Amino acid sequence: MDMSAIAARLGLSESRPVVRKAGELRRLCDVNFDSSVLGIGEVCKAIICLEIAASKFQVIFDRAEAVRMSGMSEKAYIRSFNALQNGLGVKTTLDVRELGIQFGCVRLIPFVQKGLSLYKERFLAALPPSRRASTDFGRPVFTAAAFYLCAKRHKLKVDKLKLIDLCGTSSTEFTTVSTSMADLCFDVFGIAKEKKDPKSIKGNRELLDVLPSKRKHEDDNDSSDESSEDDQDELDLPTHKRRKKMEKQAYNEWKSSVLSSNKQTKPDPAKPRRQAQLNFKKPADITLEVPSAAN
């Protein structure tokens, strides 16, 4: 398939420099090595070259459509992308300053740089000395994940999918790196989750008014401490557990009422029993007429 046709299906037909660069990378692949040995077909090779060129020119690339066109799974596509990128000797870079300007979050630049340096120090300190030399922090996914976590910490809206497309990775890998950064550098990237009182949130006031159990719990201020604690524990339960608990209480009440009624109707064993008389009516005498035999 022609490179321009593939670019048109990926929405890159207007980006002429990207198409020219992708064609150059494709010819370089044909000269340096045989991509079929790596399990990469011609169409997939053209798509990967387009993605590498788009990342070089900072152009948004639709990876989901590219994976669908390549006929591979997402993991196989990423594996082929990394193999072809390493074979060409091309490394995509993602600058923090360019991200700050592109997303309108320039004030996050020093926080991202500080978080990245701190993450590198703590990550390398946790590794054995034999593996520290082979660790590569130059991949764009680290910069994108740090930028996303800093924006989330400072309550700034950043398009996560756009970041994933820019760094050229999968959503699974992006989530893994983000979780690792948040765990190692919680003081820089972490978000403290405080449990707020529902009464202090104005938006939850309607929910409190809808639930009769909560209204009853709020209005009943004269009850004892023990009953109030039991009510609070019951309100803290989820809805389905609270419903099951109510059904169990109703079943226990029904069971106790049935048992109590059985005890009331049960006869006293000390009282002697009297056998009832059986009065069978005698059947009326039935005469059978036997016909006489014929002479």
Foldseek 3Di string as FASTA:
>chain_A
DDLLVLCVVFVNNVVVQLSVQLVVLLVVDVPQDDLVVVVADPLLSSLLSSLLSCLVVVHFTDVVVSCVVRVHDQVSSVVSSVVSCVSSVHARADDLCVVCVVFVNNVCSVLLVVLLVQLLVQVLVPDDPVCNVVDDPRQLLLSLLSSVLQCVQVVHDDDNVRSCRNSVHDPVVSVVSNVSSCVRPVVRRNHDDDDDDLVVDPVCPVVCVVDVLSVVLVVPPPDDPVVNVVSVVLVPDDPVVNVVVVVVVVVVVVVVVVVVVCVVPDDDPVDDDDDDDDDDDDDDDDDDDDDDDDD
